[in-house]
Amino acid sequence: MSTTLVTLLNNVSSVGVGSSHTLPSFLYKGGAHNVEVSGSFVGTIQFQGRIESTWYNLLTFTTQDLQSYSGVFSELRGNVSAYTSGTIIMKVRYGLEADYTSELASIIAEQSNIRNETTLLIDRLTAGRASLLDNLSSLDGSVANADNSIKNLRKELLVKNKL
């Protein structure tokens, strides 16, 4: 499993909702979300998660802190609900399933190499078969010549024996 670090609030100095971060549904399966709030500020900050169309306050910060929240969400964001002074940074780290894209590309390349090697082997076998058939044909010709020679020798022996 790999993790991704995303900045939800970056040097914010006013009340308001930060931009939302959409989670990649094909790799994201939920779990722990490690949220870090830093900066020198006086204010209240929420870590929010969206499920379907509703945003939920999951964690609240009033000082620099690192907290964790587990769940499955479609989007995440930071929200400064009260602000007096300073600048606020909020980051979240969450887990992702392994991205098998590069492994899949490697497997496809390996299959392509196997296919190419198989084609070369089939070509060699086909050429070997053709050569074997040529040799068999030549051998058939030699056997036919030997049969004719034997017939001719028999005829000669018969002729000599009759004399």
N, C-alpha and C. Protein backbone atom coordinates (compact mmCIF):
# COMPACT_ATOMS: atom_id res chain seq x y z
N MET A 1 0.85 -1.18 0.00
CA MET A 1 0.00 0.00 0.00
C MET A 1 0.89 1.24 0.00
N SER A 2 0.53 2.21 -0.79
CA SER A 2 1.25 3.48 -0.81
C SER A 2 0.38 4.54 -0.15
N THR A 3 0.98 5.70 0.10
CA THR A 3 0.22 6.80 0.70
C THR A 3 0.36 8.04 -0.16
N THR A 4 -0.60 8.94 0.02
CA THR A 4 -0.57 10.21 -0.70
C THR A 4 -0.72 11.34 0.31
N LEU A 5 0.09 12.38 0.16
CA LEU A 5 0.02 13.56 1.01
C LEU A 5 -0.57 14.70 0.19
N VAL A 6 -1.63 15.31 0.72
CA VAL A 6 -2.33 16.38 0.01
C VAL A 6 -2.46 17.58 0.93
N THR A 7 -2.18 18.78 0.40
CA THR A 7 -2.38 20.01 1.15
C THR A 7 -3.81 20.48 0.92
N LEU A 8 -4.57 20.59 2.03
CA LEU A 8 -5.97 21.04 1.93
C LEU A 8 -6.10 22.54 2.17
N LEU A 9 -5.27 23.08 3.07
CA LEU A 9 -5.24 24.53 3.32
C LEU A 9 -3.77 24.95 3.25
N ASN A 10 -3.47 25.99 2.47
CA ASN A 10 -2.09 26.40 2.30
C ASN A 10 -1.93 27.88 2.62
N ASN A 11 -1.37 28.17 3.79
CA ASN A 11 -1.16 29.55 4.26
C ASN A 11 -2.44 30.37 4.23
N VAL A 12 -3.50 29.79 4.76
CA VAL A 12 -4.81 30.46 4.79
C VAL A 12 -4.83 31.47 5.94
N SER A 13 -5.42 32.62 5.69
CA SER A 13 -5.50 33.67 6.72
C SER A 13 -6.89 34.33 6.73
N SER A 14 -7.92 33.48 6.60
CA SER A 14 -9.28 34.00 6.66
C SER A 14 -10.26 32.85 6.89
N VAL A 15 -11.48 33.19 7.27
CA VAL A 15 -12.54 32.19 7.45
C VAL A 15 -12.96 31.69 6.07
N GLY A 16 -13.25 30.40 5.97
CA GLY A 16 -13.76 29.87 4.72
C GLY A 16 -13.37 28.42 4.49
N VAL A 17 -14.02 27.85 3.50
CA VAL A 17 -13.80 26.45 3.14
C VAL A 17 -12.70 26.40 2.08
N GLY A 18 -11.75 25.48 2.28
CA GLY A 18 -10.70 25.27 1.28
C GLY A 18 -11.24 24.47 0.11
N SER A 19 -10.46 24.37 -0.93
CA SER A 19 -10.90 23.58 -2.08
C SER A 19 -10.92 22.10 -1.70
N SER A 20 -11.86 21.39 -2.29
CA SER A 20 -12.00 19.97 -1.95
C SER A 20 -11.04 19.12 -2.78
N HIS A 21 -10.67 17.99 -2.20
CA HIS A 21 -9.79 17.04 -2.86
C HIS A 21 -10.59 15.77 -3.11
N THR A 22 -10.81 15.45 -4.40
CA THR A 22 -11.54 14.24 -4.76
C THR A 22 -10.61 13.04 -4.65
N LEU A 23 -11.08 12.00 -3.98
CA LEU A 23 -10.26 10.81 -3.78
C LEU A 23 -10.38 9.89 -4.99
N PRO A 24 -9.26 9.29 -5.42
CA PRO A 24 -9.27 8.43 -6.61
C PRO A 24 -9.97 7.10 -6.31
N SER A 25 -11.19 6.95 -6.77
CA SER A 25 -12.01 5.79 -6.39
C SER A 25 -11.41 4.46 -6.79
N PHE A 26 -10.61 4.43 -7.86
CA PHE A 26 -10.05 3.15 -8.30
C PHE A 26 -8.89 2.68 -7.42
N LEU A 27 -8.27 3.56 -6.63
CA LEU A 27 -7.18 3.16 -5.75
C LEU A 27 -7.49 3.36 -4.27
N TYR A 28 -8.40 4.27 -3.97
CA TYR A 28 -8.70 4.64 -2.58
C TYR A 28 -9.75 3.69 -2.02
N LYS A 29 -9.43 3.10 -0.87
CA LYS A 29 -10.37 2.17 -0.23
C LYS A 29 -10.70 2.59 1.19
N GLY A 30 -10.39 3.83 1.56
CA GLY A 30 -10.68 4.30 2.91
C GLY A 30 -9.57 3.92 3.87
N GLY A 31 -9.88 4.05 5.17
CA GLY A 31 -8.90 3.73 6.20
C GLY A 31 -8.51 4.97 6.96
N ALA A 32 -7.29 4.96 7.51
CA ALA A 32 -6.82 6.07 8.34
C ALA A 32 -6.45 7.28 7.48
N HIS A 33 -6.84 8.45 7.98
CA HIS A 33 -6.47 9.72 7.36
C HIS A 33 -5.71 10.49 8.43
N ASN A 34 -4.40 10.67 8.23
CA ASN A 34 -3.58 11.39 9.20
C ASN A 34 -3.55 12.86 8.81
N VAL A 35 -4.11 13.70 9.69
CA VAL A 35 -4.30 15.11 9.39
C VAL A 35 -3.36 15.93 10.25
N GLU A 36 -2.59 16.82 9.60
CA GLU A 36 -1.67 17.69 10.31
C GLU A 36 -2.05 19.14 10.06
N VAL A 37 -2.21 19.88 11.15
CA VAL A 37 -2.45 21.32 11.05
C VAL A 37 -1.23 22.00 11.62
N SER A 38 -0.68 22.94 10.84
CA SER A 38 0.51 23.67 11.29
C SER A 38 0.34 25.15 10.99
N GLY A 39 1.30 25.91 11.41
CA GLY A 39 1.25 27.36 11.24
C GLY A 39 1.11 28.03 12.59
N SER A 40 1.26 29.31 12.60
CA SER A 40 1.09 30.10 13.82
C SER A 40 -0.22 30.87 13.65
N PHE A 41 -1.24 30.47 14.40
CA PHE A 41 -2.57 31.04 14.17
C PHE A 41 -3.41 31.02 15.45
N VAL A 42 -4.45 31.81 15.41
CA VAL A 42 -5.52 31.74 16.41
C VAL A 42 -6.79 31.55 15.60
N GLY A 43 -7.45 30.40 15.80
CA GLY A 43 -8.65 30.10 15.03
C GLY A 43 -9.10 28.67 15.25
N THR A 44 -10.17 28.30 14.55
CA THR A 44 -10.72 26.94 14.63
C THR A 44 -10.80 26.38 13.22
N ILE A 45 -10.28 25.17 13.09
CA ILE A 45 -10.22 24.54 11.77
C ILE A 45 -10.85 23.16 11.85
N GLN A 46 -11.65 22.82 10.84
CA GLN A 46 -12.23 21.48 10.77
C GLN A 46 -11.65 20.72 9.57
N PHE A 47 -11.45 19.43 9.80
CA PHE A 47 -11.15 18.49 8.73
C PHE A 47 -12.49 17.89 8.37
N GLN A 48 -12.88 17.99 7.10
CA GLN A 48 -14.20 17.53 6.67
C GLN A 48 -14.09 16.45 5.60
N GLY A 49 -15.05 15.53 5.67
CA GLY A 49 -15.14 14.48 4.66
C GLY A 49 -16.53 14.46 4.07
N ARG A 50 -16.61 14.16 2.79
CA ARG A 50 -17.91 14.13 2.12
C ARG A 50 -18.31 12.69 1.85
N ILE A 51 -19.56 12.38 2.20
CA ILE A 51 -20.17 11.09 1.88
C ILE A 51 -21.43 11.42 1.10
N GLU A 52 -21.48 10.94 -0.14
CA GLU A 52 -22.53 11.29 -1.09
C GLU A 52 -22.57 12.80 -1.23
N SER A 53 -23.64 13.47 -0.85
CA SER A 53 -23.69 14.93 -1.06
C SER A 53 -23.52 15.73 0.23
N THR A 54 -23.22 15.07 1.34
CA THR A 54 -23.15 15.75 2.64
C THR A 54 -21.72 15.82 3.14
N TRP A 55 -21.31 17.02 3.60
CA TRP A 55 -20.02 17.22 4.23
C TRP A 55 -20.16 17.04 5.74
N TYR A 56 -19.20 16.31 6.34
CA TYR A 56 -19.22 16.05 7.79
C TYR A 56 -17.94 16.61 8.41
N ASN A 57 -18.09 17.27 9.60
CA ASN A 57 -16.93 17.69 10.39
C ASN A 57 -16.39 16.45 11.09
N LEU A 58 -15.17 16.09 10.79
CA LEU A 58 -14.58 14.86 11.33
C LEU A 58 -13.62 15.15 12.49
N LEU A 59 -12.82 16.19 12.36
CA LEU A 59 -11.86 16.58 13.40
C LEU A 59 -11.87 18.09 13.52
N THR A 60 -11.60 18.59 14.74
CA THR A 60 -11.51 20.03 14.97
C THR A 60 -10.16 20.35 15.59
N PHE A 61 -9.52 21.40 15.09
CA PHE A 61 -8.20 21.82 15.57
C PHE A 61 -8.29 23.28 16.01
N THR A 62 -7.63 23.59 17.14
CA THR A 62 -7.49 24.99 17.57
C THR A 62 -6.01 25.35 17.75
N THR A 63 -5.14 24.34 17.61
CA THR A 63 -3.69 24.55 17.68
C THR A 63 -3.02 23.61 16.67
N GLN A 64 -1.72 23.78 16.52
CA GLN A 64 -0.96 22.85 15.69
C GLN A 64 -1.13 21.45 16.28
N ASP A 65 -1.40 20.47 15.44
CA ASP A 65 -1.64 19.12 15.96
C ASP A 65 -1.59 18.12 14.81
N LEU A 66 -1.47 16.85 15.19
CA LEU A 66 -1.56 15.74 14.25
C LEU A 66 -2.59 14.78 14.81
N GLN A 67 -3.66 14.53 14.04
CA GLN A 67 -4.72 13.62 14.48
C GLN A 67 -5.05 12.65 13.35
N SER A 68 -5.73 11.57 13.71
CA SER A 68 -6.09 10.57 12.72
C SER A 68 -7.59 10.32 12.76
N TYR A 69 -8.16 10.05 11.60
CA TYR A 69 -9.58 9.72 11.49
C TYR A 69 -9.73 8.63 10.44
N SER A 70 -10.50 7.59 10.77
CA SER A 70 -10.71 6.49 9.82
C SER A 70 -12.10 6.57 9.21
N GLY A 71 -12.18 6.24 7.93
CA GLY A 71 -13.46 6.24 7.24
C GLY A 71 -13.25 6.14 5.73
N VAL A 72 -14.35 6.18 5.01
CA VAL A 72 -14.32 6.14 3.55
C VAL A 72 -15.12 7.34 3.05
N PHE A 73 -14.48 8.17 2.24
CA PHE A 73 -15.09 9.41 1.77
C PHE A 73 -14.90 9.57 0.27
N SER A 74 -15.73 10.42 -0.34
CA SER A 74 -15.55 10.71 -1.76
C SER A 74 -14.65 11.93 -1.95
N GLU A 75 -14.67 12.86 -0.96
CA GLU A 75 -13.85 14.06 -1.02
C GLU A 75 -13.43 14.46 0.38
N LEU A 76 -12.33 15.24 0.46
CA LEU A 76 -11.83 15.78 1.72
C LEU A 76 -11.59 17.27 1.54
N ARG A 77 -11.68 18.02 2.67
CA ARG A 77 -11.35 19.44 2.61
C ARG A 77 -11.09 19.97 4.01
N GLY A 78 -10.48 21.15 4.06
CA GLY A 78 -10.30 21.87 5.31
C GLY A 78 -11.26 23.04 5.35
N ASN A 79 -11.65 23.42 6.57
CA ASN A 79 -12.60 24.53 6.72
C ASN A 79 -12.16 25.37 7.93
N VAL A 80 -11.87 26.65 7.70
CA VAL A 80 -11.55 27.57 8.79
C VAL A 80 -12.88 28.19 9.21
N SER A 81 -13.39 27.75 10.37
CA SER A 81 -14.72 28.22 10.82
C SER A 81 -14.62 29.47 11.69
N ALA A 82 -13.47 29.68 12.32
CA ALA A 82 -13.25 30.90 13.11
C ALA A 82 -11.80 31.31 12.92
N TYR A 83 -11.57 32.63 12.75
CA TYR A 83 -10.22 33.11 12.48
C TYR A 83 -9.99 34.43 13.19
N THR A 84 -8.82 34.50 13.87
CA THR A 84 -8.43 35.75 14.52
C THR A 84 -7.14 36.29 13.90
N SER A 85 -6.12 35.40 13.79
CA SER A 85 -4.84 35.87 13.23
C SER A 85 -3.97 34.69 12.81
N GLY A 86 -2.90 35.00 12.04
CA GLY A 86 -1.91 34.00 11.65
C GLY A 86 -2.21 33.34 10.31
N THR A 87 -1.42 32.32 10.01
CA THR A 87 -1.63 31.55 8.78
C THR A 87 -1.76 30.06 9.14
N ILE A 88 -2.60 29.37 8.38
CA ILE A 88 -2.96 27.98 8.68
C ILE A 88 -2.60 27.09 7.50
N ILE A 89 -2.01 25.94 7.82
CA ILE A 89 -1.72 24.91 6.82
C ILE A 89 -2.34 23.61 7.32
N MET A 90 -3.07 22.93 6.42
CA MET A 90 -3.63 21.62 6.76
C MET A 90 -3.24 20.64 5.65
N LYS A 91 -2.66 19.51 6.08
CA LYS A 91 -2.30 18.45 5.14
C LYS A 91 -2.91 17.15 5.63
N VAL A 92 -3.21 16.28 4.67
CA VAL A 92 -3.74 14.96 5.02
C VAL A 92 -2.97 13.90 4.24
N ARG A 93 -2.69 12.80 4.92
CA ARG A 93 -2.05 11.65 4.28
C ARG A 93 -3.02 10.48 4.41
N TYR A 94 -3.30 9.83 3.28
CA TYR A 94 -4.19 8.68 3.28
C TYR A 94 -3.60 7.57 2.43
N GLY A 95 -4.05 6.36 2.67
CA GLY A 95 -3.53 5.19 1.98
C GLY A 95 -4.23 4.94 0.66
N LEU A 96 -3.46 4.35 -0.24
CA LEU A 96 -3.98 3.92 -1.54
C LEU A 96 -3.62 2.46 -1.74
N GLU A 97 -4.48 1.77 -2.44
CA GLU A 97 -4.12 0.42 -2.85
C GLU A 97 -2.94 0.54 -3.80
N ALA A 98 -2.18 -0.50 -3.93
CA ALA A 98 -1.04 -0.46 -4.84
C ALA A 98 -1.50 -0.14 -6.25
N ASP A 99 -0.74 0.67 -6.93
CA ASP A 99 -1.02 0.99 -8.33
C ASP A 99 -0.28 -0.04 -9.18
N TYR A 100 -1.03 -0.92 -9.79
CA TYR A 100 -0.44 -2.02 -10.54
C TYR A 100 -0.21 -1.69 -12.01
N THR A 101 -0.32 -0.41 -12.38
CA THR A 101 -0.18 -0.03 -13.78
C THR A 101 1.17 -0.44 -14.35
N SER A 102 2.26 -0.13 -13.62
CA SER A 102 3.58 -0.45 -14.15
C SER A 102 3.80 -1.96 -14.15
N GLU A 103 3.28 -2.67 -13.12
CA GLU A 103 3.41 -4.12 -13.11
C GLU A 103 2.64 -4.74 -14.27
N LEU A 104 1.45 -4.21 -14.55
CA LEU A 104 0.65 -4.71 -15.66
C LEU A 104 1.37 -4.48 -16.99
N ALA A 105 1.97 -3.33 -17.16
CA ALA A 105 2.72 -3.04 -18.39
C ALA A 105 3.88 -4.02 -18.53
N SER A 106 4.53 -4.34 -17.42
CA SER A 106 5.64 -5.29 -17.45
C SER A 106 5.15 -6.69 -17.83
N ILE A 107 4.01 -7.10 -17.30
CA ILE A 107 3.44 -8.41 -17.63
C ILE A 107 3.06 -8.47 -19.11
N ILE A 108 2.46 -7.40 -19.61
CA ILE A 108 2.07 -7.35 -21.03
C ILE A 108 3.31 -7.43 -21.92
N ALA A 109 4.38 -6.72 -21.54
CA ALA A 109 5.63 -6.78 -22.32
C ALA A 109 6.20 -8.19 -22.28
N GLU A 110 6.14 -8.83 -21.11
CA GLU A 110 6.66 -10.20 -20.99
C GLU A 110 5.84 -11.16 -21.86
N GLN A 111 4.52 -11.00 -21.86
CA GLN A 111 3.67 -11.83 -22.71
C GLN A 111 3.99 -11.62 -24.18
N SER A 112 4.27 -10.38 -24.56
CA SER A 112 4.63 -10.08 -25.94
C SER A 112 5.94 -10.78 -26.31
N ASN A 113 6.92 -10.75 -25.38
CA ASN A 113 8.19 -11.44 -25.63
C ASN A 113 7.97 -12.95 -25.77
N ILE A 114 7.12 -13.51 -24.92
CA ILE A 114 6.82 -14.94 -24.99
C ILE A 114 6.16 -15.26 -26.33
N ARG A 115 5.23 -14.40 -26.75
CA ARG A 115 4.55 -14.60 -28.03
C ARG A 115 5.56 -14.56 -29.18
N ASN A 116 6.50 -13.61 -29.13
CA ASN A 116 7.52 -13.50 -30.17
C ASN A 116 8.43 -14.74 -30.19
N GLU A 117 8.83 -15.18 -28.99
CA GLU A 117 9.68 -16.37 -28.91
C GLU A 117 8.93 -17.60 -29.41
N THR A 118 7.65 -17.70 -29.10
CA THR A 118 6.84 -18.82 -29.56
C THR A 118 6.73 -18.81 -31.08
N THR A 119 6.53 -17.64 -31.66
CA THR A 119 6.46 -17.51 -33.12
C THR A 119 7.77 -17.95 -33.76
N LEU A 120 8.90 -17.54 -33.18
CA LEU A 120 10.21 -17.95 -33.70
C LEU A 120 10.37 -19.47 -33.62
N LEU A 121 9.95 -20.05 -32.50
CA LEU A 121 10.05 -21.49 -32.33
C LEU A 121 9.18 -22.23 -33.35
N ILE A 122 7.97 -21.75 -33.56
CA ILE A 122 7.08 -22.36 -34.56
C ILE A 122 7.70 -22.25 -35.95
N ASP A 123 8.29 -21.10 -36.27
CA ASP A 123 8.95 -20.92 -37.57
C ASP A 123 10.10 -21.92 -37.73
N ARG A 124 10.89 -22.11 -36.67
CA ARG A 124 12.00 -23.06 -36.73
C ARG A 124 11.49 -24.48 -36.91
N LEU A 125 10.43 -24.84 -36.15
CA LEU A 125 9.87 -26.18 -36.28
C LEU A 125 9.30 -26.41 -37.67
N THR A 126 8.64 -25.40 -38.23
CA THR A 126 8.08 -25.51 -39.57
C THR A 126 9.20 -25.71 -40.59
N ALA A 127 10.28 -24.96 -40.46
CA ALA A 127 11.43 -25.11 -41.37
C ALA A 127 12.06 -26.49 -41.20
N GLY A 128 12.17 -26.96 -39.96
CA GLY A 128 12.73 -28.28 -39.70
C GLY A 128 11.86 -29.38 -40.29
N ARG A 129 10.55 -29.21 -40.19
CA ARG A 129 9.61 -30.19 -40.76
C ARG A 129 9.76 -30.23 -42.28
N ALA A 130 9.86 -29.05 -42.89
CA ALA A 130 10.01 -28.99 -44.35
C ALA A 130 11.31 -29.69 -44.77
N SER A 131 12.37 -29.46 -44.02
CA SER A 131 13.65 -30.10 -44.32
C SER A 131 13.54 -31.61 -44.17
N LEU A 132 12.85 -32.05 -43.12
CA LEU A 132 12.66 -33.48 -42.89
C LEU A 132 11.85 -34.10 -44.03
N LEU A 133 10.80 -33.41 -44.49
CA LEU A 133 10.00 -33.91 -45.60
C LEU A 133 10.84 -34.00 -46.87
N ASP A 134 11.70 -33.01 -47.10
CA ASP A 134 12.61 -33.06 -48.25
C ASP A 134 13.52 -34.29 -48.16
N ASN A 135 14.06 -34.52 -46.96
CA ASN A 135 14.94 -35.68 -46.76
C ASN A 135 14.19 -36.99 -46.96
N LEU A 136 12.94 -37.05 -46.47
CA LEU A 136 12.13 -38.25 -46.67
C LEU A 136 11.84 -38.49 -48.15
N SER A 137 11.56 -37.40 -48.84
CA SER A 137 11.30 -37.51 -50.28
C SER A 137 12.53 -38.03 -51.00
N SER A 138 13.69 -37.49 -50.63
CA SER A 138 14.95 -37.94 -51.23
C SER A 138 15.20 -39.41 -50.90
N LEU A 139 14.89 -39.78 -49.63
CA LEU A 139 15.06 -41.17 -49.22
C LEU A 139 14.12 -42.09 -50.00
N ASP A 140 12.89 -41.64 -50.22
CA ASP A 140 11.95 -42.42 -51.04
C ASP A 140 12.52 -42.65 -52.43
N GLY A 141 13.11 -41.60 -53.01
CA GLY A 141 13.73 -41.73 -54.34
C GLY A 141 14.87 -42.73 -54.32
N SER A 142 15.66 -42.69 -53.24
CA SER A 142 16.78 -43.64 -53.12
C SER A 142 16.27 -45.06 -52.97
N VAL A 143 15.22 -45.24 -52.17
CA VAL A 143 14.62 -46.57 -51.99
C VAL A 143 14.06 -47.07 -53.32
N ALA A 144 13.41 -46.19 -54.06
CA ALA A 144 12.87 -46.58 -55.37
C ALA A 144 14.00 -46.99 -56.31
N ASN A 145 15.11 -46.27 -56.31
CA ASN A 145 16.27 -46.62 -57.14
C ASN A 145 16.84 -47.96 -56.72
N ALA A 146 16.90 -48.18 -55.38
CA ALA A 146 17.42 -49.46 -54.88
C ALA A 146 16.49 -50.59 -55.30
N ASP A 147 15.18 -50.38 -55.23
CA ASP A 147 14.22 -51.41 -55.67
C ASP A 147 14.43 -51.74 -57.15
N ASN A 148 14.60 -50.70 -57.96
CA ASN A 148 14.83 -50.92 -59.40
C ASN A 148 16.13 -51.68 -59.64
N SER A 149 17.16 -51.32 -58.87
CA SER A 149 18.44 -52.02 -59.01
C SER A 149 18.29 -53.49 -58.64
N ILE A 150 17.54 -53.78 -57.58
CA ILE A 150 17.32 -55.17 -57.15
C ILE A 150 16.55 -55.93 -58.23
N LYS A 151 15.52 -55.31 -58.79
CA LYS A 151 14.74 -55.95 -59.87
C LYS A 151 15.63 -56.28 -61.06
N ASN A 152 16.47 -55.31 -61.42
CA ASN A 152 17.37 -55.52 -62.57
C ASN A 152 18.36 -56.64 -62.29
N LEU A 153 18.88 -56.68 -61.07
CA LEU A 153 19.81 -57.76 -60.72
C LEU A 153 19.11 -59.12 -60.77
N ARG A 154 17.89 -59.22 -60.32
CA ARG A 154 17.12 -60.48 -60.37
C ARG A 154 16.93 -60.94 -61.82
N LYS A 155 16.59 -59.95 -62.65
CA LYS A 155 16.39 -60.28 -64.07
C LYS A 155 17.69 -60.84 -64.66
N GLU A 156 18.80 -60.19 -64.35
CA GLU A 156 20.09 -60.65 -64.87
C GLU A 156 20.41 -62.05 -64.38
N LEU A 157 20.12 -62.32 -63.08
CA LEU A 157 20.38 -63.64 -62.52
C LEU A 157 19.49 -64.68 -63.19
N LEU A 158 18.26 -64.36 -63.43
CA LEU A 158 17.35 -65.30 -64.09
C LEU A 158 17.85 -65.63 -65.50
N VAL A 159 18.29 -64.60 -66.19
CA VAL A 159 18.79 -64.80 -67.54
C VAL A 159 20.04 -65.69 -67.50
N LYS A 160 20.93 -65.44 -66.60
CA LYS A 160 22.16 -66.22 -66.51
C LYS A 160 21.87 -67.66 -66.09
N ASN A 161 20.93 -67.87 -65.22
CA ASN A 161 20.60 -69.21 -64.76
C ASN A 161 19.93 -70.02 -65.88
N LYS A 162 19.25 -69.40 -66.78
CA LYS A 162 18.58 -70.11 -67.87
C LYS A 162 19.57 -70.51 -68.94
N LEU A 163 20.63 -69.86 -69.02
CA LEU A 163 21.60 -70.19 -70.05
C LEU A 163 22.35 -71.39 -69.63
